[in-house]
Protein backbone atom coordinates (compact mmCIF):
# COMPACT_ATOMS: atom_id res chain seq x y z
CA UNK A 1 -7.83 6.48 7.69
CA UNK A 2 -7.46 9.86 6.03
CA UNK A 3 -4.34 10.95 4.18
CA UNK A 4 -3.03 14.49 3.96
CA UNK A 5 0.17 15.94 2.59
CA UNK A 6 2.45 18.52 4.24
CA UNK A 7 5.12 20.29 2.19
CA UNK A 8 7.80 22.32 3.98
CA UNK A 9 8.64 25.54 2.14
CA UNK A 10 10.91 28.47 2.99
CA UNK A 11 8.52 31.11 1.56
CA UNK A 12 4.81 30.53 2.11
CA UNK A 13 3.62 33.26 -0.29
CA UNK A 14 5.83 32.07 -3.18
CA UNK A 15 4.79 28.46 -2.51
CA UNK A 16 1.10 29.37 -2.43
CA UNK A 17 1.40 31.18 -5.75
CA UNK A 18 3.38 28.32 -7.33
CA UNK A 19 1.10 25.45 -6.27
CA UNK A 20 -2.10 27.29 -7.20
CA UNK A 21 -0.79 28.45 -10.59
CA UNK A 22 1.13 25.28 -11.50
CA UNK A 23 -1.47 22.70 -10.51
CA UNK A 24 -4.77 24.58 -10.36
CA UNK A 25 -5.18 24.15 -6.60
CA UNK A 26 -7.18 26.68 -4.60
CA UNK A 27 -6.19 28.39 -1.37
CA UNK A 28 -8.16 27.21 1.62
CA UNK A 29 -7.60 28.24 5.21
CA UNK A 30 -4.62 30.12 6.58
CA UNK A 31 -3.59 28.63 9.91
CA UNK A 32 -1.12 29.33 12.72
CA UNK A 33 -0.81 33.07 12.03
CA UNK A 34 -0.20 32.47 8.32
CA UNK A 35 2.56 29.89 8.83
CA UNK A 36 0.40 27.14 7.30
CA UNK A 37 -1.70 27.39 4.14
CA UNK A 38 -4.25 24.83 3.09
CA UNK A 39 -4.55 23.93 -0.58
CA UNK A 40 -7.78 22.43 -1.90
CA UNK A 41 -8.74 20.78 -5.17
CA UNK A 42 -6.76 17.54 -4.88
CA UNK A 43 -8.22 14.26 -3.59
CA UNK A 44 -6.49 14.96 -0.27
CA UNK A 45 -5.72 18.14 1.67
CA UNK A 46 -2.28 19.65 1.07
CA UNK A 47 -0.72 21.95 3.64
CA UNK A 48 2.20 24.26 2.95
CA UNK A 49 4.29 24.68 6.11
CA UNK A 50 6.58 27.71 6.45
CA UNK A 51 9.91 26.23 7.61
CA UNK A 52 13.16 28.16 7.22
CA UNK A 53 16.20 26.57 5.61
CA UNK A 54 18.71 25.46 8.22
CA UNK A 55 16.11 24.60 10.86
CA UNK A 56 15.85 21.13 12.39
CA UNK A 57 13.10 18.94 10.87
CA UNK A 58 12.34 17.39 14.28
CA UNK A 59 13.48 17.78 17.90
CA UNK A 60 16.98 16.41 18.45
CA UNK A 61 17.78 16.18 14.75
CA UNK A 62 21.37 16.72 13.64
CA UNK A 63 20.15 17.28 10.07
CA UNK A 64 18.91 20.63 8.85
CA UNK A 65 16.24 21.53 6.32
CA UNK A 66 17.71 22.18 2.90
CA UNK A 67 15.89 23.41 -0.16
CA UNK A 68 18.61 22.46 -2.60
CA UNK A 69 17.47 19.94 -5.24
CA UNK A 70 17.29 16.59 -3.49
CA UNK A 71 15.99 13.07 -3.87
CA UNK A 72 13.64 11.42 -1.44
CA UNK A 73 12.05 7.95 -1.57
CA UNK A 74 8.67 9.53 -0.81
CA UNK A 75 7.57 11.95 -3.50
CA UNK A 76 4.55 13.63 -5.01
CA UNK A 77 3.02 12.28 -8.23
CA UNK A 78 0.25 14.32 -9.83
CA UNK A 79 -2.08 12.43 -12.14
CA UNK A 80 -3.25 14.74 -14.92
CA UNK A 81 -5.60 14.42 -17.90
CA UNK A 82 -3.26 16.16 -20.37
CA UNK A 83 0.45 15.97 -19.57
CA UNK A 84 1.50 18.55 -22.17
CA UNK A 85 -0.93 21.18 -20.86
CA UNK A 86 -0.08 20.43 -17.21
CA UNK A 87 3.65 20.62 -17.95
CA UNK A 88 3.29 23.97 -19.73
CA UNK A 89 1.29 25.38 -16.79
CA UNK A 90 3.83 24.10 -14.23
CA UNK A 91 6.80 25.50 -16.18
CA UNK A 92 5.07 28.88 -16.55
CA UNK A 93 4.55 28.94 -12.76
CA UNK A 94 8.26 28.34 -12.08
CA UNK A 95 8.79 24.55 -12.09
CA UNK A 96 11.99 23.14 -13.59
CA UNK A 97 11.72 20.12 -15.86
CA UNK A 98 14.00 17.21 -14.95
CA UNK A 99 14.63 15.35 -18.21
CA UNK A 100 12.40 14.55 -21.16
CA UNK A 101 8.86 13.20 -21.09
CA UNK A 102 9.01 9.41 -20.81
CA UNK A 103 6.57 7.06 -22.50
CA UNK A 104 5.77 3.89 -20.55
CA UNK A 105 3.38 0.99 -21.09
CA UNK A 106 1.06 2.52 -18.47
CA UNK A 107 1.28 6.14 -19.70
CA UNK A 108 3.49 9.23 -19.81
CA UNK A 109 5.68 10.74 -17.09
CA UNK A 110 7.83 13.84 -16.60
CA UNK A 111 9.87 14.83 -13.56
CA UNK A 112 9.80 18.37 -12.17
CA UNK A 113 11.30 20.43 -9.36
CA UNK A 114 9.27 23.07 -7.58
CA UNK A 115 10.97 26.41 -6.82
CA UNK A 116 12.20 24.95 -3.51
CA UNK A 117 13.97 21.86 -4.87
CA UNK A 118 11.18 19.37 -4.10
CA UNK A 119 10.79 16.76 -6.80
CA UNK A 120 7.44 15.73 -8.20
CA UNK A 121 6.18 13.95 -11.29
CA UNK A 122 3.31 14.56 -13.66
CA UNK A 123 1.68 11.33 -14.87
CA UNK A 124 -0.91 10.76 -17.58
CA UNK A 125 -2.48 7.31 -17.71
CA UNK A 126 -2.71 5.32 -20.91
CA UNK A 127 -5.45 2.70 -21.04
CA UNK A 128 -5.90 1.37 -17.50
CA UNK A 129 -2.79 3.03 -16.02
CA UNK A 130 -0.70 0.77 -13.79
CA UNK A 131 -3.16 -2.07 -14.51
CA UNK A 132 -1.51 -2.22 -17.96
CA UNK A 133 1.59 -3.71 -16.29
CA UNK A 134 -0.09 -5.87 -13.63
CA UNK A 135 2.07 -9.00 -13.23
CA UNK A 136 -0.78 -10.96 -11.62
CA UNK A 137 1.05 -11.45 -8.33
CA UNK A 138 -1.10 -10.28 -5.42
CA UNK A 139 -0.75 -10.86 -1.69
């Protein structure tokens, strides 16, 4: 199985600039007459999809796309070597910080919002990362 990530955005050019500047990703291919941009440099391909606010996310949906700040149970975590440097770069590119940096047994974490309201987190491992809090229960 291969994993890829699609991020709906209302402005493909602004999104391309943000994600390349904030996280050091590189532009790859432009697809579908410029309505999709590929971002490279992460362990999986990321595609920015131009989708206008107010449009239906799937056929028959009664919901509409909204780019207001929102919470979703599926979100993007970016593992970085230096959280302070990565945070400064993301903020300079237009991210909004959501609360203070948190220190955990496994490392450091800070929440962000991209210019379109999507939440994401920057994580920096400490020691063995999540293995630091392994409770020994495995299926």
